[in-house]
PDB file of N, CA and C in Angstrom:
ATOM      1  N   MET A   1      18.027  -1.911   6.159  1.00  0.00           N
ATOM      2  CA  MET A   1      16.761  -1.962   6.831  1.00  0.00           C
ATOM      3  C   MET A   1      16.147  -3.338   6.595  1.00  0.00           C
ATOM      4  N   SER A   2      15.671  -3.957   7.634  1.00  0.00           N
ATOM      5  CA  SER A   2      15.051  -5.264   7.505  1.00  0.00           C
ATOM      6  C   SER A   2      13.543  -5.128   7.385  1.00  0.00           C
ATOM      7  N   LYS A   3      12.911  -6.247   7.071  1.00  0.00           N
ATOM      8  CA  LYS A   3      11.466  -6.239   6.896  1.00  0.00           C
ATOM      9  C   LYS A   3      10.748  -5.923   8.208  1.00  0.00           C
ATOM     10  N   GLY A   4      11.369  -6.229   9.339  1.00  0.00           N
ATOM     11  CA  GLY A   4      10.759  -5.966  10.638  1.00  0.00           C
ATOM     12  C   GLY A   4      10.728  -4.497  11.009  1.00  0.00           C
ATOM     13  N   ASP A   5      11.506  -3.658  10.327  1.00  0.00           N
ATOM     14  CA  ASP A   5      11.540  -2.235  10.637  1.00  0.00           C
ATOM     15  C   ASP A   5      10.400  -1.451  10.000  1.00  0.00           C
ATOM     16  N   LEU A   6       9.652  -2.081   9.073  1.00  0.00           N
ATOM     17  CA  LEU A   6       8.589  -1.383   8.380  1.00  0.00           C
ATOM     18  C   LEU A   6       7.345  -1.279   9.261  1.00  0.00           C
ATOM     19  N   LEU A   7       6.599  -0.195   9.093  1.00  0.00           N
ATOM     20  CA  LEU A   7       5.351   0.020   9.816  1.00  0.00           C
ATOM     21  C   LEU A   7       4.196  -0.398   8.916  1.00  0.00           C
ATOM     22  N   GLU A   8       3.297  -1.252   9.408  1.00  0.00           N
ATOM     23  CA  GLU A   8       2.131  -1.650   8.619  1.00  0.00           C
ATOM     24  C   GLU A   8       0.936  -0.826   9.040  1.00  0.00           C
ATOM     25  N   MET A   9       0.270  -0.226   8.038  1.00  0.00           N
ATOM     26  CA  MET A   9      -0.878   0.632   8.290  1.00  0.00           C
ATOM     27  C   MET A   9      -2.020   0.236   7.367  1.00  0.00           C
ATOM     28  N   PRO A  10      -3.257   0.235   7.866  1.00  0.00           N
ATOM     29  CA  PRO A  10      -4.397  -0.062   6.991  1.00  0.00           C
ATOM     30  C   PRO A  10      -4.818   1.180   6.221  1.00  0.00           C
ATOM     31  N   GLY A  11      -5.404   0.950   5.056  1.00  0.00           N
ATOM     32  CA  GLY A  11      -5.863   2.067   4.241  1.00  0.00           C
ATOM     33  C   GLY A  11      -6.765   1.584   3.125  1.00  0.00           C
ATOM     34  N   GLN A  12      -7.140   2.539   2.261  1.00  0.00           N
ATOM     35  CA  GLN A  12      -8.015   2.239   1.136  1.00  0.00           C
ATOM     36  C   GLN A  12      -7.429   2.851  -0.126  1.00  0.00           C
ATOM     37  N   VAL A  13      -7.440   2.086  -1.208  1.00  0.00           N
ATOM     38  CA  VAL A  13      -6.921   2.567  -2.485  1.00  0.00           C
ATOM     39  C   VAL A  13      -7.919   3.579  -3.051  1.00  0.00           C
ATOM     40  N   VAL A  14      -7.420   4.767  -3.373  1.00  0.00           N
ATOM     41  CA  VAL A  14      -8.266   5.831  -3.900  1.00  0.00           C
ATOM     42  C   VAL A  14      -8.156   5.916  -5.409  1.00  0.00           C
ATOM     43  N   ASP A  15      -6.944   5.788  -5.940  1.00  0.00           N
ATOM     44  CA  ASP A  15      -6.718   5.999  -7.354  1.00  0.00           C
ATOM     45  C   ASP A  15      -5.585   5.101  -7.837  1.00  0.00           C
ATOM     46  N   ALA A  16      -5.709   4.610  -9.062  1.00  0.00           N
ATOM     47  CA  ALA A  16      -4.644   3.827  -9.683  1.00  0.00           C
ATOM     48  C   ALA A  16      -3.867   4.751 -10.615  1.00  0.00           C
ATOM     49  N   LEU A  17      -2.600   4.973 -10.316  1.00  0.00           N
ATOM     50  CA  LEU A  17      -1.748   5.825 -11.130  1.00  0.00           C
ATOM     51  C   LEU A  17      -1.007   4.969 -12.154  1.00  0.00           C
ATOM     52  N   GLY A  18      -0.280   5.583 -13.043  1.00  0.00           N
ATOM     53  CA  GLY A  18       0.473   4.844 -14.043  1.00  0.00           C
ATOM     54  C   GLY A  18       1.697   4.172 -13.451  1.00  0.00           C
ATOM     55  N   GLY A  19       2.190   3.165 -14.137  1.00  0.00           N
ATOM     56  CA  GLY A  19       3.412   2.504 -13.715  1.00  0.00           C
ATOM     57  C   GLY A  19       3.256   1.604 -12.510  1.00  0.00           C
ATOM     58  N   GLY A  20       2.054   1.099 -12.247  1.00  0.00           N
ATOM     59  CA  GLY A  20       1.839   0.197 -11.114  1.00  0.00           C
ATOM     60  C   GLY A  20       1.827   0.890  -9.772  1.00  0.00           C
ATOM     61  N   GLN A  21       1.572   2.191  -9.745  1.00  0.00           N
ATOM     62  CA  GLN A  21       1.522   2.947  -8.490  1.00  0.00           C
ATOM     63  C   GLN A  21       0.064   3.236  -8.129  1.00  0.00           C
ATOM     64  N   TYR A  22      -0.184   3.398  -6.849  1.00  0.00           N
ATOM     65  CA  TYR A  22      -1.530   3.642  -6.343  1.00  0.00           C
ATOM     66  C   TYR A  22      -1.496   4.786  -5.338  1.00  0.00           C
ATOM     67  N   ARG A  23      -2.586   5.529  -5.260  1.00  0.00           N
ATOM     68  CA  ARG A  23      -2.746   6.552  -4.217  1.00  0.00           C
ATOM     69  C   ARG A  23      -3.633   5.936  -3.145  1.00  0.00           C
ATOM     70  N   ILE A  24      -3.148   5.962  -1.899  1.00  0.00           N
ATOM     71  CA  ILE A  24      -3.802   5.262  -0.798  1.00  0.00           C
ATOM     72  C   ILE A  24      -4.134   6.248   0.309  1.00  0.00           C
ATOM     73  N   GLN A  25      -5.376   6.191   0.779  1.00  0.00           N
ATOM     74  CA  GLN A  25      -5.842   6.998   1.921  1.00  0.00           C
ATOM     75  C   GLN A  25      -5.688   6.145   3.169  1.00  0.00           C
ATOM     76  N   LEU A  26      -4.836   6.556   4.090  1.00  0.00           N
ATOM     77  CA  LEU A  26      -4.628   5.800   5.327  1.00  0.00           C
ATOM     78  C   LEU A  26      -5.772   6.050   6.291  1.00  0.00           C
ATOM     79  N   ASP A  27      -6.042   5.058   7.145  1.00  0.00           N
ATOM     80  CA  ASP A  27      -7.107   5.201   8.139  1.00  0.00           C
ATOM     81  C   ASP A  27      -6.741   6.201   9.228  1.00  0.00           C
ATOM     82  N   GLU A  28      -5.453   6.333   9.507  1.00  0.00           N
ATOM     83  CA  GLU A  28      -4.990   7.235  10.555  1.00  0.00           C
ATOM     84  C   GLU A  28      -4.900   8.655  10.002  1.00  0.00           C
ATOM     85  N   GLY A  29      -5.875   9.482  10.324  1.00  0.00           N
ATOM     86  CA  GLY A  29      -5.850  10.864   9.863  1.00  0.00           C
ATOM     87  C   GLY A  29      -6.218  10.986   8.402  1.00  0.00           C
ATOM     88  N   ASP A  30      -5.892  12.121   7.816  1.00  0.00           N
ATOM     89  CA  ASP A  30      -6.193  12.379   6.410  1.00  0.00           C
ATOM     90  C   ASP A  30      -4.932  12.263   5.567  1.00  0.00           C
ATOM     91  N   THR A  31      -4.125  11.252   5.832  1.00  0.00           N
ATOM     92  CA  THR A  31      -2.850  11.100   5.149  1.00  0.00           C
ATOM     93  C   THR A  31      -3.036  10.322   3.853  1.00  0.00           C
ATOM     94  N   MET A  32      -2.522  10.890   2.764  1.00  0.00           N
ATOM     95  CA  MET A  32      -2.511  10.208   1.471  1.00  0.00           C
ATOM     96  C   MET A  32      -1.062   9.841   1.168  1.00  0.00           C
ATOM     97  N   ILE A  33      -0.827   8.589   0.788  1.00  0.00           N
ATOM     98  CA  ILE A  33       0.520   8.175   0.423  1.00  0.00           C
ATOM     99  C   ILE A  33       0.487   7.523  -0.955  1.00  0.00           C
ATOM    100  N   ARG A  34       1.656   7.385  -1.548  1.00  0.00           N
ATOM    101  CA  ARG A  34       1.809   6.709  -2.827  1.00  0.00           C
ATOM    102  C   ARG A  34       2.373   5.315  -2.528  1.00  0.00           C
ATOM    103  N   GLY A  35       1.784   4.306  -3.137  1.00  0.00           N
ATOM    104  CA  GLY A  35       2.245   2.953  -2.874  1.00  0.00           C
ATOM    105  C   GLY A  35       2.297   2.125  -4.133  1.00  0.00           C
ATOM    106  N   ARG A  36       3.059   1.048  -4.070  1.00  0.00           N
ATOM    107  CA  ARG A  36       3.108   0.110  -5.174  1.00  0.00           C
ATOM    108  C   ARG A  36       3.022  -1.294  -4.612  1.00  0.00           C
ATOM    109  N   LEU A  37       2.786  -2.273  -5.483  1.00  0.00           N
ATOM    110  CA  LEU A  37       2.642  -3.651  -5.038  1.00  0.00           C
ATOM    111  C   LEU A  37       3.979  -4.225  -4.590  1.00  0.00           C
ATOM    112  N   SER A  38       3.939  -5.025  -3.552  1.00  0.00           N
ATOM    113  CA  SER A  38       5.156  -5.704  -3.115  1.00  0.00           C
ATOM    114  C   SER A  38       5.470  -6.831  -4.093  1.00  0.00           C
ATOM    115  N   GLY A  39       6.655  -7.364  -3.997  1.00  0.00           N
ATOM    116  CA  GLY A  39       7.107  -8.392  -4.927  1.00  0.00           C
ATOM    117  C   GLY A  39       6.265  -9.648  -4.903  1.00  0.00           C
ATOM    118  N   ARG A  40       5.819 -10.072  -3.741  1.00  0.00           N
ATOM    119  CA  ARG A  40       5.017 -11.286  -3.638  1.00  0.00           C
ATOM    120  C   ARG A  40       3.635 -11.093  -4.267  1.00  0.00           C
ATOM    121  N   MET A  41       3.072  -9.890  -4.140  1.00  0.00           N
ATOM    122  CA  MET A  41       1.767  -9.635  -4.748  1.00  0.00           C
ATOM    123  C   MET A  41       1.881  -9.580  -6.269  1.00  0.00           C
ATOM    124  N   ARG A  42       2.989  -9.066  -6.789  1.00  0.00           N
ATOM    125  CA  ARG A  42       3.202  -9.094  -8.243  1.00  0.00           C
ATOM    126  C   ARG A  42       3.435 -10.514  -8.727  1.00  0.00           C
ATOM    127  N   ARG A  43       4.166 -11.296  -7.934  1.00  0.00           N
ATOM    128  CA  ARG A  43       4.493 -12.669  -8.313  1.00  0.00           C
ATOM    129  C   ARG A  43       3.239 -13.521  -8.463  1.00  0.00           C
ATOM    130  N   PHE A  44       2.286 -13.378  -7.547  1.00  0.00           N
ATOM    131  CA  PHE A  44       1.061 -14.165  -7.588  1.00  0.00           C
ATOM    132  C   PHE A  44      -0.074 -13.447  -8.308  1.00  0.00           C
ATOM    133  N   ARG A  45       0.236 -12.327  -8.973  1.00  0.00           N
ATOM    134  CA  ARG A  45      -0.702 -11.571  -9.819  1.00  0.00           C
ATOM    135  C   ARG A  45      -1.989 -11.208  -9.081  1.00  0.00           C
ATOM    136  N   ILE A  46      -1.837 -10.651  -7.888  1.00  0.00           N
ATOM    137  CA  ILE A  46      -2.989 -10.203  -7.120  1.00  0.00           C
ATOM    138  C   ILE A  46      -3.385  -8.825  -7.617  1.00  0.00           C
ATOM    139  N   ARG A  47      -4.633  -8.682  -8.022  1.00  0.00           N
ATOM    140  CA  ARG A  47      -5.135  -7.435  -8.582  1.00  0.00           C
ATOM    141  C   ARG A  47      -5.622  -6.515  -7.471  1.00  0.00           C
ATOM    142  N   VAL A  48      -5.328  -5.231  -7.626  1.00  0.00           N
ATOM    143  CA  VAL A  48      -5.783  -4.216  -6.674  1.00  0.00           C
ATOM    144  C   VAL A  48      -6.510  -3.148  -7.476  1.00  0.00           C
ATOM    145  N   LEU A  49      -7.723  -2.827  -7.050  1.00  0.00           N
ATOM    146  CA  LEU A  49      -8.549  -1.837  -7.732  1.00  0.00           C
ATOM    147  C   LEU A  49      -8.882  -0.695  -6.777  1.00  0.00           C
ATOM    148  N   PRO A  50      -9.218   0.471  -7.310  1.00  0.00           N
ATOM    149  CA  PRO A  50      -9.668   1.565  -6.428  1.00  0.00           C
ATOM    150  C   PRO A  50     -10.886   1.124  -5.615  1.00  0.00           C
ATOM    151  N   GLY A  51     -10.850   1.428  -4.328  1.00  0.00           N
ATOM    152  CA  GLY A  51     -11.902   1.018  -3.413  1.00  0.00           C
ATOM    153  C   GLY A  51     -11.532  -0.166  -2.552  1.00  0.00           C
ATOM    154  N   ASP A  52     -10.452  -0.875  -2.889  1.00  0.00           N
ATOM    155  CA  ASP A  52     -10.021  -2.035  -2.109  1.00  0.00           C
ATOM    156  C   ASP A  52      -9.375  -1.596  -0.806  1.00  0.00           C
ATOM    157  N   ARG A  53      -9.599  -2.385   0.246  1.00  0.00           N
ATOM    158  CA  ARG A  53      -8.939  -2.170   1.534  1.00  0.00           C
ATOM    159  C   ARG A  53      -7.609  -2.910   1.499  1.00  0.00           C
ATOM    160  N   VAL A  54      -6.526  -2.250   1.887  1.00  0.00           N
ATOM    161  CA  VAL A  54      -5.192  -2.832   1.811  1.00  0.00           C
ATOM    162  C   VAL A  54      -4.417  -2.538   3.089  1.00  0.00           C
ATOM    163  N   ARG A  55      -3.331  -3.291   3.285  1.00  0.00           N
ATOM    164  CA  ARG A  55      -2.345  -2.999   4.321  1.00  0.00           C
ATOM    165  C   ARG A  55      -1.078  -2.543   3.627  1.00  0.00           C
ATOM    166  N   VAL A  56      -0.509  -1.444   4.104  1.00  0.00           N
ATOM    167  CA  VAL A  56       0.655  -0.838   3.466  1.00  0.00           C
ATOM    168  C   VAL A  56       1.821  -0.866   4.440  1.00  0.00           C
ATOM    169  N   ALA A  57       2.981  -1.335   3.970  1.00  0.00           N
ATOM    170  CA  ALA A  57       4.210  -1.306   4.758  1.00  0.00           C
ATOM    171  C   ALA A  57       4.955  -0.024   4.400  1.00  0.00           C
ATOM    172  N   VAL A  58       5.192   0.819   5.414  1.00  0.00           N
ATOM    173  CA  VAL A  58       5.803   2.131   5.217  1.00  0.00           C
ATOM    174  C   VAL A  58       7.101   2.196   6.006  1.00  0.00           C
ATOM    175  N   SER A  59       8.124   2.763   5.387  1.00  0.00           N
ATOM    176  CA  SER A  59       9.396   2.958   6.065  1.00  0.00           C
ATOM    177  C   SER A  59       9.266   4.091   7.084  1.00  0.00           C
ATOM    178  N   PRO A  60       9.876   3.963   8.245  1.00  0.00           N
ATOM    179  CA  PRO A  60       9.813   5.066   9.218  1.00  0.00           C
ATOM    180  C   PRO A  60      10.605   6.292   8.765  1.00  0.00           C
ATOM    181  N   TYR A  61      11.445   6.135   7.749  1.00  0.00           N
ATOM    182  CA  TYR A  61      12.243   7.259   7.265  1.00  0.00           C
ATOM    183  C   TYR A  61      11.516   8.087   6.212  1.00  0.00           C
ATOM    184  N   ASP A  62      10.638   7.455   5.438  1.00  0.00           N
ATOM    185  CA  ASP A  62       9.882   8.153   4.406  1.00  0.00           C
ATOM    186  C   ASP A  62       8.422   7.729   4.507  1.00  0.00           C
ATOM    187  N   LEU A  63       7.601   8.550   5.133  1.00  0.00           N
ATOM    188  CA  LEU A  63       6.213   8.196   5.391  1.00  0.00           C
ATOM    189  C   LEU A  63       5.281   8.545   4.233  1.00  0.00           C
ATOM    190  N   THR A  64       5.831   8.926   3.083  1.00  0.00           N
ATOM    191  CA  THR A  64       4.994   9.286   1.943  1.00  0.00           C
ATOM    192  C   THR A  64       4.940   8.201   0.884  1.00  0.00           C
ATOM    193  N   HIS A  65       5.669   7.116   1.073  1.00  0.00           N
ATOM    194  CA  HIS A  65       5.721   6.045   0.091  1.00  0.00           C
ATOM    195  C   HIS A  65       5.704   4.705   0.804  1.00  0.00           C
ATOM    196  N   GLY A  66       5.011   3.713   0.223  1.00  0.00           N
ATOM    197  CA  GLY A  66       4.953   2.406   0.856  1.00  0.00           C
ATOM    198  C   GLY A  66       4.713   1.289  -0.144  1.00  0.00           C
ATOM    199  N   PHE A  67       4.683   0.074   0.377  1.00  0.00           N
ATOM    200  CA  PHE A  67       4.432  -1.121  -0.418  1.00  0.00           C
ATOM    201  C   PHE A  67       3.129  -1.753   0.044  1.00  0.00           C
ATOM    202  N   ILE A  68       2.274  -2.096  -0.912  1.00  0.00           N
ATOM    203  CA  ILE A  68       1.036  -2.795  -0.582  1.00  0.00           C
ATOM    204  C   ILE A  68       1.401  -4.250  -0.346  1.00  0.00           C
ATOM    205  N   VAL A  69       1.168  -4.729   0.880  1.00  0.00           N
ATOM    206  CA  VAL A  69       1.571  -6.086   1.222  1.00  0.00           C
ATOM    207  C   VAL A  69       0.390  -7.036   1.372  1.00  0.00           C
ATOM    208  N   PHE A  70      -0.837  -6.508   1.459  1.00  0.00           N
ATOM    209  CA  PHE A  70      -1.993  -7.380   1.661  1.00  0.00           C
ATOM    210  C   PHE A  70      -3.249  -6.670   1.177  1.00  0.00           C
ATOM    211  N   ARG A  71      -4.080  -7.387   0.411  1.00  0.00           N
ATOM    212  CA  ARG A  71      -5.390  -6.870   0.003  1.00  0.00           C
ATOM    213  C   ARG A  71      -6.436  -7.671   0.774  1.00  0.00           C
ATOM    214  N   GLU A  72      -7.273  -6.955   1.538  1.00  0.00           N
ATOM    215  CA  GLU A  72      -8.275  -7.630   2.369  1.00  0.00           C
ATOM    216  C   GLU A  72      -9.408  -8.153   1.514  1.00  0.00           C
ATOM    217  N   ARG A  73      -9.986  -9.233   1.978  1.00  0.00           N
ATOM    218  CA  ARG A  73     -11.112  -9.839   1.268  1.00  0.00           C
ATOM    219  C   ARG A  73     -12.352  -8.978   1.448  1.00  0.00           C
ATOM    220  N   ARG A  74     -13.235  -9.075   0.491  1.00  0.00           N
ATOM    221  CA  ARG A  74     -14.451  -8.250   0.530  1.00  0.00           C
ATOM    222  C   ARG A  74     -15.515  -8.868   1.364  1.00  0.00           C
TER     223      ARG A  74
END
């Protein structure tokens, strides 16, 4: 699967779980997914807190897990 096959969806971080995982409420419907930081966000040490607006890249094969690829500015 290439990077172009991923679906990007906007959402809001609801809860910070252990192990660098986050619970994210998507804007589309009442869908909650589990997400973690993408490699580039870990590399540049971008912090994500509950309440932040983010963009999540989700695989079309598993819509319950994704990677946080962008944190929007406040």
